[in-house]
Protein backbone atom coordinates (compact mmCIF):
# COMPACT_ATOMS: atom_id res chain seq x y z
CA MET A 1 -11.72 0.68 23.81
CA ASN A 2 -10.94 -1.61 20.74
CA ILE A 3 -8.12 0.32 18.73
CA CYS A 4 -5.65 -0.31 16.11
CA ILE A 5 -2.58 1.50 15.22
CA PHE A 6 -1.07 2.40 11.86
CA PRO A 7 2.43 3.40 12.45
CA GLY A 8 4.27 4.48 8.93
CA THR A 9 6.23 7.21 6.86
CA PHE A 10 3.38 8.09 4.94
CA ASN A 11 5.41 10.27 2.41
CA PRO A 12 3.10 11.02 1.81
CA ILE A 13 -0.14 9.31 2.89
CA HIS A 14 -2.27 7.78 -0.03
CA LEU A 15 -5.17 6.02 -0.83
CA ALA A 16 -4.08 2.54 -0.47
CA HIS A 17 -3.18 3.75 3.27
CA ILE A 18 -6.62 4.96 3.76
CA ASN A 19 -8.17 1.81 2.23
CA MET A 20 -6.20 -0.46 4.42
CA ALA A 21 -7.68 1.50 7.50
CA ASN A 22 -11.29 1.47 6.27
CA ILE A 23 -10.92 -2.19 5.81
CA ALA A 24 -9.43 -2.92 9.39
CA LEU A 25 -12.24 -0.85 10.67
CA GLU A 26 -14.98 -2.79 8.90
CA LYS A 27 -13.56 -6.31 9.38
CA PHE A 28 -12.22 -5.98 13.01
CA GLY A 29 -15.14 -3.39 14.07
CA PHE A 30 -12.47 -1.23 15.79
CA ASP A 31 -13.32 1.97 17.67
CA LYS A 32 -10.48 3.85 16.12
CA ILE A 33 -7.32 3.50 13.92
CA ILE A 34 -4.70 5.42 15.13
CA PHE A 35 -2.26 6.90 12.64
CA ILE A 36 1.36 7.48 13.57
CA PRO A 37 3.73 9.31 11.32
CA ALA A 38 7.34 8.30 11.80
CA TYR A 39 9.41 11.34 12.65
CA ILE A 40 12.36 9.47 11.53
CA PRO A 41 11.81 5.99 10.18
CA PRO A 42 14.95 3.88 10.96
CA HIS A 43 14.62 1.54 7.77
CA LYS A 44 14.34 4.47 5.38
CA GLN A 45 16.57 7.18 4.34
CA ILE A 46 14.44 10.51 4.24
CA ASP A 47 14.39 14.11 4.20
CA ASN A 48 14.21 14.91 7.69
CA ASN A 49 12.76 18.27 6.97
CA LEU A 50 9.46 16.66 5.33
CA ALA A 51 8.36 15.19 8.94
CA LYS A 52 6.18 18.25 9.59
CA HIS A 53 4.60 17.95 6.28
CA ARG A 54 4.31 14.27 6.36
CA PHE A 55 2.23 14.79 10.07
CA ASN A 56 0.22 17.41 8.35
CA MET A 57 -0.89 15.52 5.45
CA VAL A 58 -1.75 12.58 7.65
CA ASN A 59 -3.69 15.16 9.98
CA LEU A 60 -5.87 16.20 6.62
CA VAL A 61 -6.69 12.51 6.20
CA CYS A 62 -7.70 11.92 9.82
CA ASP A 63 -9.90 15.08 9.82
CA LYS A 64 -12.29 13.34 7.12
CA ASN A 65 -13.06 10.44 9.40
CA PRO A 66 -14.25 10.30 12.94
CA LYS A 67 -12.68 6.73 13.54
CA PHE A 68 -9.16 8.00 12.46
CA GLU A 69 -7.11 9.77 15.04
CA LEU A 70 -3.42 11.03 14.49
CA SER A 71 -0.90 10.44 17.28
CA ASP A 72 2.15 12.78 17.76
CA ILE A 73 4.01 10.22 19.88
CA GLU A 74 6.86 9.64 17.31
CA TYR A 75 6.70 13.00 15.68
CA LYS A 76 7.49 15.02 18.85
CA SER A 77 10.00 12.53 19.72
CA GLU A 78 12.07 14.13 17.02
CA SER A 79 14.39 11.12 16.96
CA LYS A 80 14.26 7.83 15.26
CA SER A 81 10.86 6.12 15.65
CA TYR A 82 11.03 2.83 16.66
CA THR A 83 7.66 0.67 16.83
CA ILE A 84 8.50 -1.13 20.17
CA ILE A 85 8.85 2.36 21.94
CA THR A 86 5.48 3.56 20.36
CA VAL A 87 3.69 0.59 21.09
CA LYS A 88 4.72 0.38 24.72
CA LYS A 89 3.46 4.45 25.02
CA ILE A 90 0.21 3.32 23.37
CA ARG A 91 -0.52 0.58 25.47
CA GLU A 92 0.34 2.97 28.52
CA LEU A 93 -1.97 5.91 27.30
CA TYR A 94 -4.99 3.84 26.38
CA ASN A 95 -4.28 0.98 29.45
CA ILE A 96 -4.02 -1.83 27.16
CA ASN A 97 -3.07 -5.21 28.62
CA GLU A 98 -3.58 -7.65 25.68
CA LYS A 99 -1.94 -7.64 22.44
CA LEU A 100 -2.17 -4.32 20.72
CA ASN A 101 -3.55 -4.59 16.82
CA MET A 102 -1.21 -2.97 14.45
CA ILE A 103 -1.52 -2.46 10.43
CA ILE A 104 1.14 -3.22 8.22
CA GLY A 105 1.77 -4.28 4.71
CA THR A 106 3.59 -7.33 3.66
CA ASP A 107 6.72 -5.53 2.40
CA ALA A 108 7.55 -4.20 6.17
CA PHE A 109 6.00 -7.35 7.74
CA SER A 110 8.69 -9.56 5.70
CA LYS A 111 11.39 -7.44 7.38
CA ILE A 112 10.09 -7.65 10.98
CA LYS A 113 12.52 -9.71 12.49
CA SER A 114 15.42 -6.92 11.63
CA TRP A 115 13.21 -4.54 13.72
CA TYR A 116 14.59 -3.32 16.94
CA LYS A 117 13.51 -5.53 19.92
CA THR A 118 11.80 -7.45 17.57
CA ASP A 119 11.35 -10.18 20.34
CA GLU A 120 9.62 -8.09 22.64
CA LEU A 121 7.73 -6.46 20.00
CA LYS A 122 6.22 -9.70 18.77
CA GLU A 123 4.93 -10.59 22.42
CA LEU A 124 2.95 -6.94 22.44
CA VAL A 125 1.61 -6.89 18.83
CA HIS A 126 -0.93 -8.69 16.67
CA PHE A 127 -0.23 -7.73 13.19
CA ILE A 128 -3.02 -7.24 10.64
CA VAL A 129 -1.21 -7.91 7.43
CA PHE A 130 -2.01 -6.27 4.02
CA PRO A 131 -0.74 -7.73 0.66
CA ARG A 132 1.85 -5.08 -0.92
CA GLY A 133 3.68 -5.76 -4.08
CA ASN A 134 5.17 -9.24 -4.63
CA ASP A 135 5.97 -9.79 -0.97
CA THR A 136 4.37 -12.96 0.40
CA ILE A 137 4.78 -14.20 3.97
CA ASP A 138 5.88 -17.62 4.67
CA SER A 139 3.82 -18.84 7.65
CA LYS A 140 6.74 -21.09 8.91
CA ARG A 141 9.16 -18.15 9.28
CA PHE A 142 6.59 -16.34 11.13
CA SER A 143 4.91 -18.63 13.08
CA GLU A 144 6.05 -17.11 16.36
CA TYR A 145 4.27 -13.64 15.49
CA SER A 146 0.52 -13.05 16.06
CA TYR A 147 -0.75 -12.00 13.06
CA GLU A 148 -3.75 -12.20 10.31
CA LEU A 149 -3.00 -12.02 6.56
CA ILE A 150 -5.91 -9.79 5.20
CA ASN A 151 -7.26 -11.41 2.14
CA THR A 152 -8.01 -8.62 -0.24
CA GLU A 153 -6.56 -7.12 -3.61
CA LYS A 154 -2.78 -5.97 -3.15
CA ILE A 155 -2.97 -2.41 -2.45
CA ASP A 156 -0.16 -1.37 -4.36
CA ILE A 157 0.58 2.35 -4.62
CA SER A 158 4.02 3.42 -4.59
CA SER A 159 4.77 6.59 -2.33
CA THR A 160 7.88 6.84 -4.31
CA GLU A 161 5.93 7.20 -7.64
CA LEU A 162 3.33 9.42 -5.88
CA ARG A 163 6.00 11.93 -4.73
CA GLU A 164 7.43 11.29 -8.62
CA GLN A 165 3.89 12.59 -10.01
CA HIS A 166 3.10 15.04 -7.44
CA LYS A 167 -0.19 14.09 -7.50
CA GLY A 168 -2.14 10.71 -8.30
CA LYS A 169 -3.57 8.51 -5.71
CA THR A 170 -4.11 10.53 -2.77
CA SER A 171 -6.87 12.51 -1.32
CA ASN A 172 -7.70 15.78 -2.82
CA GLU A 173 -6.85 17.85 0.22
CA VAL A 174 -3.30 15.90 0.27
CA LYS A 175 -2.80 16.76 -3.35
CA GLU A 176 -3.66 20.42 -2.74
CA TYR A 177 -1.20 20.25 0.52
CA ILE A 178 1.49 19.07 -1.72
CA ILE A 179 1.00 21.52 -4.53
CA LYS A 180 0.62 24.69 -2.07
CA ASN A 181 3.84 23.69 -0.06
CA GLY A 182 6.17 22.65 -3.38
CA LEU A 183 6.83 19.34 -1.75
CA TYR A 184 8.34 16.42 -3.70
CA ASN A 185 9.66 18.73 -6.57
């Protein structure tokens, strides 16, 4: 099975996330994109009480596309979500021996060298990197990583802005969920 993982905070999941997954499906012909909401992201300060809501919002999006799947690997750990641990679990679960494909934005990829066990991670993952904000990738600096920079318009929706607006550039189901649960007030 040809899969791609998409780990993230998804606070909340928005149209840029959905667009990146759809572009990856079309470009690479993946059988599925596995969304993996972090329980506690190691590089971000976040309200841990929102983990259940972030998980539920991603589930609403995954329910709309048969090629999207929600994984609870990080959610059920109830601890910091380190990508290397998740990658190893997914590789074992799906019996994957080659590099695992992973969607990531340039904002996160530009900091990949600070990630937990990045030397091990780079041996197990092929990164599918989408442009975000003003971040660029210096090919010399990341030459030891297997990655492909996707040539597309910058997909730049800020989760911070979205939370502050309580609506906006996300699916109708997610907007309704945010309002119904009084999130991001």
